[in-house]
C-alpha cells in the first residue's frame, strides 16, 4: 500500500494553493479517511478517483466545511482553512444534483448567492453577466431550468459557483447524470473552462476514463488511503501498486521469481536488473504485439481463447502455456489464427507493489 503520510508534492514551478495534512475521519467505528496528505497547486485540475466507499466524497465535504475531520488540518495559502465556517472559505461546490431553483430564471439562479450576500444590483448584474458568458449560457439568461437541457443545467450550476469568485472549485461527480455522448462533450468543455478561468478544480469521480481525460493529476483513493498520486500518463504507464494497475485500465499481473538476474513468470523468462525474490509485474494488453520482429523482445506463442469486440480494437484472451493466460489488445480483424506469434518489450513489464486490502 502506498504510504499516505507523505505529502504528494506539486512541481516546484507551481504555487501550492491548498495543503491537506494528515487528515483522518471515521463514522462511528468505521474509518473513512486514513492519514491523507495532499497538496493542490494554483490553477491545477486534480481528480480524486476511487470506487464507491473509498472516501472521496467525504474528503471533498471536509474541504468544503460540510464535515469535520477527526484529526489533521487543511491550509489555504498558509492560513488554516478547516477552522473557518463554510461560508467564509473561498471554496465553492458543484454537486451531482444541481439543485437549481425551478421557479427562478437562469440569471436569478446564478445571482442568488450574491443577493444573499447583499451586493448591489449593479454588481450582481455585472458578475452574473460575466459568469453566464464564461459558460456560454448568455442566450438562456431569462429561461427557467425546466426549459434547458441537462448539459445546460450543469453549466448553470458551474456559473452559480464561479460567480462567487472562489479560489477553489469542488465538483462532486457533476457529470454522472448526463448521457454518455453529452458526458464526453462536457468533459472537454469543463477542462477548457477550467483553463479559461484559471482557478483550481478538485473533481470527484469513480470513472477512471473521465479522470484520465480531464486531470492534471489523479489522486487514487482506496479504502480511505491514497494509493497513488500522479499525472494520468504516469499513473497509467508507471502504476505503483497492483491495485492502481488494475483500477486504471486493463492490465496483466504477472507473478514471478527473480534468480541471478533472470525472472520467470510462468512460461516466460527474461533478464532483469532486480534483486532475487518474488516479483509482480503489470503488463498492459496493448503492449503485447503480434509478430516477432522486435529486437530484445520477449517472444512466445499464444492460443486465442476469447475475443471481445471494442470497435476499432479487440481484446483477446490468449493461453501461453503452463496455465498462463494474457489479455492483449489489437486492431480489429475479420479473422484471427487460432495460434499467434507474440512479443513484448521487457521495459513494458512494470514492477508493482502488491496491494494489501484492509479488513
Protein backbone atom coordinates (compact mmCIF):
# COMPACT_ATOMS: atom_id res chain seq x y z
CA UNK A 1 0.00 0.00 0.00
CA UNK A 2 1.28 3.47 -0.83
CA UNK A 3 2.39 5.44 2.20
CA UNK A 4 -0.25 8.06 2.86
CA UNK A 5 1.57 10.19 5.40
CA UNK A 6 3.96 11.51 2.73
CA UNK A 7 2.68 14.71 1.13
CA UNK A 8 2.45 14.45 -2.65
CA UNK A 9 4.50 17.47 -3.70
CA UNK A 10 3.40 19.63 -6.58
CA UNK A 11 6.09 20.66 -9.08
CA UNK A 12 8.50 23.31 -7.81
CA UNK A 13 7.46 25.67 -10.60
CA UNK A 14 3.92 25.88 -9.21
CA UNK A 15 2.48 27.58 -6.13
CA UNK A 16 0.59 25.49 -3.60
CA UNK A 17 -2.97 26.71 -3.02
CA UNK A 18 -4.31 24.03 -0.67
CA UNK A 19 -2.41 21.76 1.69
CA UNK A 20 -4.13 18.79 3.34
CA UNK A 21 -2.09 17.43 6.24
CA UNK A 22 -2.58 14.03 7.91
CA UNK A 23 -6.38 14.12 7.62
CA UNK A 24 -8.40 11.32 9.22
CA UNK A 25 -12.14 10.76 9.57
CA UNK A 26 -14.30 7.97 11.00
CA UNK A 27 -18.03 7.46 11.20
CA UNK A 28 -18.57 5.59 14.43
CA UNK A 29 -16.06 2.74 14.44
CA UNK A 30 -15.65 2.81 10.65
CA UNK A 31 -12.56 4.72 9.44
CA UNK A 32 -13.34 6.54 6.18
CA UNK A 33 -10.12 8.51 5.65
CA UNK A 34 -6.71 7.47 6.98
CA UNK A 35 -3.84 9.95 7.28
CA UNK A 36 -4.45 11.78 3.99
CA UNK A 37 -1.81 14.32 2.95
CA UNK A 38 -2.06 16.12 -0.36
CA UNK A 39 -1.09 19.41 -1.96
CA UNK A 40 -3.12 21.16 -4.68
CA UNK A 41 -1.46 23.76 -6.87
CA UNK A 42 -2.77 27.08 -8.12
CA UNK A 43 -4.68 26.51 -11.36
CA UNK A 44 -4.49 22.72 -11.10
CA UNK A 45 -7.20 20.28 -12.18
CA UNK A 46 -6.90 17.49 -9.61
CA UNK A 47 -9.21 14.49 -9.72
CA UNK A 48 -9.94 12.40 -6.63
CA UNK A 49 -10.66 8.99 -8.10
CA UNK A 50 -11.96 5.91 -6.32
CA UNK A 51 -14.64 3.28 -6.16
CA UNK A 52 -17.76 3.66 -4.02
CA UNK A 53 -16.88 3.82 -0.35
CA UNK A 54 -13.29 4.90 -0.91
CA UNK A 55 -13.82 8.18 0.97
CA UNK A 56 -13.58 10.61 -1.94
CA UNK A 57 -16.85 12.49 -1.28
CA UNK A 58 -16.10 12.66 2.44
CA UNK A 59 -12.75 14.27 1.65
CA UNK A 60 -14.48 16.80 -0.60
CA UNK A 61 -17.05 17.63 2.09
CA UNK A 62 -14.30 18.20 4.67
CA UNK A 63 -12.54 20.64 2.33
CA UNK A 64 -15.86 22.44 1.78
CA UNK A 65 -16.60 22.54 5.50
CA UNK A 66 -19.69 20.32 5.44
CA UNK A 67 -17.91 17.67 7.56
CA UNK A 68 -15.28 17.97 10.28
CA UNK A 69 -12.15 15.83 10.31
CA UNK A 70 -11.23 13.84 13.44
CA UNK A 71 -7.59 14.86 13.08
CA UNK A 72 -5.28 16.66 10.69
CA UNK A 73 -5.60 20.10 9.15
CA UNK A 74 -6.28 21.96 5.90
CA UNK A 75 -4.41 25.11 4.92
CA UNK A 76 -5.04 27.59 2.11
CA UNK A 77 -2.11 29.91 1.38
CA UNK A 78 -0.64 29.44 4.87
CA UNK A 79 -3.95 30.14 6.62
CA UNK A 80 -5.86 27.46 8.50
CA UNK A 81 -8.96 26.67 6.41
CA UNK A 82 -10.69 23.94 8.42
CA UNK A 83 -11.19 26.23 11.42
CA UNK A 84 -13.38 28.54 9.32
CA UNK A 85 -17.12 28.04 8.68
CA UNK A 86 -18.08 27.05 5.10
CA UNK A 87 -19.38 30.50 4.16
CA UNK A 88 -16.01 32.10 4.97
CA UNK A 89 -13.99 29.72 2.81
CA UNK A 90 -13.21 30.82 -0.72
CA UNK A 91 -14.36 27.40 -1.82
CA UNK A 92 -17.50 26.58 -3.79
CA UNK A 93 -19.04 23.21 -4.59
CA UNK A 94 -20.93 21.86 -7.60
CA UNK A 95 -22.92 18.79 -6.59
CA UNK A 96 -24.07 15.77 -8.56
CA UNK A 97 -27.63 17.10 -8.36
CA UNK A 98 -27.50 20.71 -9.45
CA UNK A 99 -30.29 21.89 -7.08
CA UNK A 100 -31.37 24.78 -9.30
CA UNK A 101 -34.41 26.71 -8.12
CA UNK A 102 -37.16 25.76 -10.62
CA UNK A 103 -39.16 28.98 -10.09
CA UNK A 104 -36.18 31.26 -10.79
CA UNK A 105 -34.73 32.18 -14.14
CA UNK A 106 -31.20 31.13 -15.12
CA UNK A 107 -29.80 34.57 -14.26
CA UNK A 108 -31.62 34.65 -10.92
CA UNK A 109 -30.26 31.19 -10.06
CA UNK A 110 -26.74 32.33 -10.83
CA UNK A 111 -27.11 35.56 -8.83
CA UNK A 112 -28.87 34.03 -5.82
CA UNK A 113 -25.77 33.81 -3.61
CA UNK A 114 -24.80 37.37 -4.43
CA UNK A 115 -28.23 38.63 -3.40
CA UNK A 116 -27.92 36.74 -0.11
CA UNK A 117 -24.57 38.47 0.38
CA UNK A 118 -26.41 41.79 -0.22
CA UNK A 119 -24.25 43.04 -3.06
CA UNK A 120 -25.54 45.98 -5.07
CA UNK A 121 -27.85 45.33 -8.01
CA UNK A 122 -25.28 46.71 -10.42
CA UNK A 123 -22.54 44.45 -9.05
CA UNK A 124 -24.84 41.41 -9.18
CA UNK A 125 -25.88 42.14 -12.76
CA UNK A 126 -22.27 42.59 -13.88
CA UNK A 127 -20.98 39.42 -12.24
CA UNK A 128 -23.93 37.31 -13.42
CA UNK A 129 -23.38 38.53 -16.96
CA UNK A 130 -19.70 37.59 -16.77
CA UNK A 131 -20.43 34.16 -15.28
CA UNK A 132 -23.03 33.32 -17.95
CA UNK A 133 -20.61 34.40 -20.65
CA UNK A 134 -17.94 32.11 -19.21
CA UNK A 135 -20.17 29.05 -19.59
CA UNK A 136 -21.70 30.24 -22.88
CA UNK A 137 -25.24 30.48 -21.48
CA UNK A 138 -25.98 34.19 -22.03
CA UNK A 139 -28.84 33.49 -24.53
CA UNK A 140 -30.65 31.48 -21.84
CA UNK A 141 -30.49 34.09 -19.08
CA UNK A 142 -34.29 34.51 -18.92
CA UNK A 143 -35.12 30.79 -19.26
CA UNK A 144 -36.31 28.56 -16.44
CA UNK A 145 -34.25 25.42 -15.59
CA UNK A 146 -37.04 23.12 -16.80
CA UNK A 147 -36.69 24.54 -20.32
CA UNK A 148 -32.98 23.82 -20.77
CA UNK A 149 -31.11 20.54 -21.21
CA UNK A 150 -29.18 18.58 -18.58
CA UNK A 151 -25.89 19.77 -20.01
CA UNK A 152 -27.06 23.37 -19.90
CA UNK A 153 -28.23 22.94 -16.30
CA UNK A 154 -24.75 21.68 -15.48
CA UNK A 155 -23.27 24.86 -16.94
CA UNK A 156 -25.65 26.99 -14.88
CA UNK A 157 -24.57 25.16 -11.72
CA UNK A 158 -20.96 25.95 -12.66
CA UNK A 159 -21.81 29.61 -13.30
CA UNK A 160 -23.56 29.83 -9.92
CA UNK A 161 -20.37 28.57 -8.25
CA UNK A 162 -17.98 30.70 -10.32
CA UNK A 163 -19.93 33.94 -9.79
CA UNK A 164 -18.74 33.96 -6.17
CA UNK A 165 -15.13 34.07 -7.42
CA UNK A 166 -13.81 31.14 -5.36
CA UNK A 167 -10.12 30.27 -5.17
CA UNK A 168 -11.03 26.58 -5.34
CA UNK A 169 -13.96 24.83 -7.02
CA UNK A 170 -15.05 21.40 -5.79
CA UNK A 171 -17.06 19.18 -8.14
CA UNK A 172 -18.77 16.07 -6.77
CA UNK A 173 -19.47 13.81 -9.77
CA UNK A 174 -21.31 16.62 -11.63
CA UNK A 175 -21.41 14.73 -14.94
CA UNK A 176 -22.81 11.42 -13.70
CA UNK A 177 -26.44 12.29 -14.57
CA UNK A 178 -25.63 13.02 -18.24
CA UNK A 179 -25.89 10.55 -21.10
CA UNK A 180 -22.63 9.11 -22.47
CA UNK A 181 -22.23 11.39 -25.50
CA UNK A 182 -23.07 14.59 -23.60
CA UNK A 183 -20.82 13.48 -20.77
CA UNK A 184 -17.84 13.18 -23.12
CA UNK A 185 -18.62 16.61 -24.60
CA UNK A 186 -18.88 18.19 -21.16
CA UNK A 187 -15.57 16.65 -20.08
CA UNK A 188 -13.81 18.64 -22.81
CA UNK A 189 -15.81 21.80 -22.10
CA UNK A 190 -15.22 21.61 -18.35
CA UNK A 191 -11.48 21.20 -18.80
CA UNK A 192 -11.44 24.11 -21.27
CA UNK A 193 -13.46 26.27 -18.85
CA UNK A 194 -11.06 25.49 -16.01
CA UNK A 195 -8.16 26.68 -18.13
CA UNK A 196 -10.03 29.87 -19.06
CA UNK A 197 -10.98 30.89 -15.52
CA UNK A 198 -7.59 29.81 -14.15
CA UNK A 199 -8.75 28.55 -10.75
CA UNK A 200 -8.06 25.21 -9.12
CA UNK A 201 -10.62 22.43 -9.61
CA UNK A 202 -10.93 19.36 -7.40
CA UNK A 203 -13.10 16.86 -9.25
CA UNK A 204 -14.50 13.71 -7.66
CA UNK A 205 -15.40 10.71 -9.81
CA UNK A 206 -15.40 6.91 -9.85
CA UNK A 207 -14.93 6.92 -13.64
CA UNK A 208 -11.26 6.30 -14.46
CA UNK A 209 -11.68 7.26 -18.13
CA UNK A 210 -13.14 10.60 -17.08
CA UNK A 211 -10.23 11.16 -14.71
CA UNK A 212 -7.67 10.35 -17.42
CA UNK A 213 -9.23 12.80 -19.90
CA UNK A 214 -9.59 15.81 -17.62
CA UNK A 215 -6.91 15.80 -14.95
CA UNK A 216 -3.52 17.37 -14.47
CA UNK A 217 -3.04 14.87 -11.65
CA UNK A 218 -5.06 11.98 -10.23
CA UNK A 219 -5.24 11.09 -6.54
CA UNK A 220 -6.41 7.48 -6.37
CA UNK A 221 -8.18 6.61 -3.11
CA UNK A 222 -8.64 3.08 -1.87
CA UNK A 223 -10.48 2.31 1.36
CA UNK A 224 -9.65 5.73 2.76
CA UNK A 225 -5.97 5.73 1.80
CA UNK A 226 -4.09 7.37 -1.06
CA UNK A 227 -2.89 4.58 -3.31
CA UNK A 228 -1.01 6.82 -5.79
CA UNK A 229 -0.87 10.46 -6.86
CA UNK A 230 0.47 11.19 -10.33
CA UNK A 231 -0.32 12.59 -13.77
CA UNK A 232 -2.71 10.50 -15.89
CA UNK A 233 0.15 9.38 -18.14
CA UNK A 234 2.35 8.37 -15.22
CA UNK A 235 -0.36 6.64 -13.23
CA UNK A 236 -1.26 4.58 -16.31
CA UNK A 237 2.22 3.77 -17.60
CA UNK A 238 4.00 3.57 -14.20
CA UNK A 239 1.46 2.24 -11.68
CA UNK A 240 2.93 1.97 -8.19
CA UNK A 241 0.73 -0.88 -6.97
CA UNK A 242 -1.24 -3.82 -8.32
CA UNK A 243 -4.49 -2.07 -7.35
CA UNK A 244 -3.58 1.04 -9.35
CA UNK A 245 -2.63 -1.07 -12.36
CA UNK A 246 -5.97 -2.92 -12.29
CA UNK A 247 -8.18 0.09 -11.49
CA UNK A 248 -6.71 2.34 -14.19
CA UNK A 249 -7.47 0.48 -17.42
CA UNK A 250 -6.83 -3.20 -18.13
CA UNK A 251 -3.63 -5.00 -17.22
CA UNK A 252 -1.99 -8.41 -16.87
CA UNK A 253 -0.47 -9.08 -13.46
CA UNK A 254 2.47 -11.44 -13.87
CA UNK A 255 3.76 -13.15 -10.74
CA UNK A 256 7.30 -14.36 -10.98
CA UNK A 257 10.58 -15.13 -9.28
CA UNK A 258 13.90 -13.41 -9.87
CA UNK A 259 17.04 -15.51 -9.59
CA UNK A 260 20.52 -14.42 -10.68
CA UNK A 261 19.19 -11.66 -12.95
CA UNK A 262 16.61 -13.86 -14.67
CA UNK A 263 12.88 -13.58 -13.98
CA UNK A 264 10.48 -16.42 -14.67
CA UNK A 265 6.74 -15.73 -14.95
CA UNK A 266 5.06 -18.99 -15.88
CA UNK A 267 6.37 -19.94 -19.31
CA UNK A 268 8.01 -16.52 -19.86
CA UNK A 269 11.58 -15.65 -18.91
CA UNK A 270 13.75 -12.56 -19.45
CA UNK A 271 16.72 -10.72 -17.98
CA UNK A 272 16.18 -8.08 -15.30
CA UNK A 273 18.29 -5.87 -13.09
CA UNK A 274 16.40 -6.69 -9.92
CA UNK A 275 17.26 -8.43 -6.62
CA UNK A 276 16.42 -12.10 -6.16
CA UNK A 277 12.98 -12.93 -4.82
CA UNK A 278 9.30 -12.88 -5.72
CA UNK A 279 8.16 -10.14 -8.10
CA UNK A 280 4.92 -8.79 -9.54
CA UNK A 281 4.70 -7.07 -12.94
CA UNK A 282 1.98 -5.07 -14.69
CA UNK A 283 1.85 -5.62 -18.46
CA UNK A 284 -0.76 -3.63 -20.40
CA UNK A 285 -2.68 -5.55 -23.13
CA UNK A 286 -1.73 -3.03 -25.84
CA UNK A 287 1.97 -3.68 -25.16
CA UNK A 288 1.65 -7.26 -26.40
CA UNK A 289 2.22 -7.27 -30.16
CA UNK A 290 1.62 -9.75 -32.94
CA UNK A 291 4.82 -10.86 -34.68
CA UNK A 292 8.42 -11.47 -33.66
CA UNK A 293 10.22 -8.57 -35.31
CA UNK A 294 11.30 -6.69 -32.20
CA UNK A 295 14.93 -6.62 -31.05
CA UNK A 296 15.50 -7.91 -27.49
CA UNK A 297 11.78 -8.64 -27.17
CA UNK A 298 10.18 -11.46 -25.20
CA UNK A 299 8.76 -13.85 -27.78
CA UNK A 300 6.14 -16.51 -27.20
CA UNK A 301 3.13 -18.23 -28.73
CA UNK A 302 -0.43 -17.87 -27.60
CA UNK A 303 -3.63 -19.70 -28.41
CA UNK A 304 -6.69 -17.45 -28.77
CA UNK A 305 -9.34 -18.44 -26.23
CA UNK A 306 -11.70 -15.45 -26.31
CA UNK A 307 -12.37 -12.29 -28.33
CA UNK A 308 -14.18 -9.14 -27.16
CA UNK A 309 -15.11 -6.56 -29.79
CA UNK A 310 -14.40 -2.91 -28.86
CA UNK A 311 -14.98 -1.14 -32.16
CA UNK A 312 -11.61 -0.31 -33.69
CA UNK A 313 -9.85 -2.73 -31.31
CA UNK A 314 -10.43 -6.18 -29.89
CA UNK A 315 -9.42 -7.57 -26.52
CA UNK A 316 -8.11 -11.11 -26.90
CA UNK A 317 -7.55 -13.69 -24.20
CA UNK A 318 -4.61 -15.92 -25.15
CA UNK A 319 -3.24 -19.03 -23.46
CA UNK A 320 0.56 -19.08 -23.40
CA UNK A 321 1.35 -22.41 -21.76
CA UNK A 322 1.89 -23.60 -18.17
CA UNK A 323 -1.55 -22.22 -17.34
CA UNK A 324 -0.53 -18.62 -18.09
CA UNK A 325 -3.23 -16.55 -19.80
CA UNK A 326 -2.79 -12.98 -21.00
CA UNK A 327 -5.08 -10.27 -22.34
CA UNK A 328 -3.87 -8.41 -25.43
CA UNK A 329 -5.38 -5.56 -27.40
CA UNK A 330 -5.05 -5.31 -31.17
CA UNK A 331 -6.72 -3.72 -34.18
CA UNK A 332 -9.97 -5.43 -35.13
CA UNK A 333 -9.73 -8.17 -37.74
CA UNK A 334 -12.36 -10.20 -39.53
CA UNK A 335 -10.50 -13.40 -38.72
CA UNK A 336 -7.79 -14.48 -36.32
CA UNK A 337 -5.48 -17.51 -36.43
CA UNK A 338 -6.00 -19.87 -33.54
CA UNK A 339 -2.32 -19.62 -32.61
CA UNK A 340 -0.41 -16.32 -32.71
CA UNK A 341 3.28 -15.42 -32.53
CA UNK A 342 3.51 -12.68 -29.92
CA UNK A 343 6.08 -10.45 -28.22
CA UNK A 344 6.54 -7.61 -25.76
CA UNK A 345 9.49 -5.50 -24.69
CA UNK A 346 11.00 -6.16 -21.24
CA UNK A 347 10.56 -2.46 -20.40
CA UNK A 348 6.79 -2.80 -20.86
CA UNK A 349 6.57 -5.11 -17.84
CA UNK A 350 6.46 -2.67 -14.89
CA UNK A 351 7.30 -3.94 -11.38
CA UNK A 352 4.49 -3.06 -8.94
CA UNK A 353 3.92 -3.48 -5.23
CA UNK A 354 1.29 -5.89 -4.01
CA UNK A 355 -1.76 -4.02 -2.70
CA UNK A 356 -2.95 -5.39 0.62
CA UNK A 357 -6.56 -4.51 1.39
CA UNK A 358 -7.75 -3.74 4.90
CA UNK A 359 -10.48 -5.74 6.61
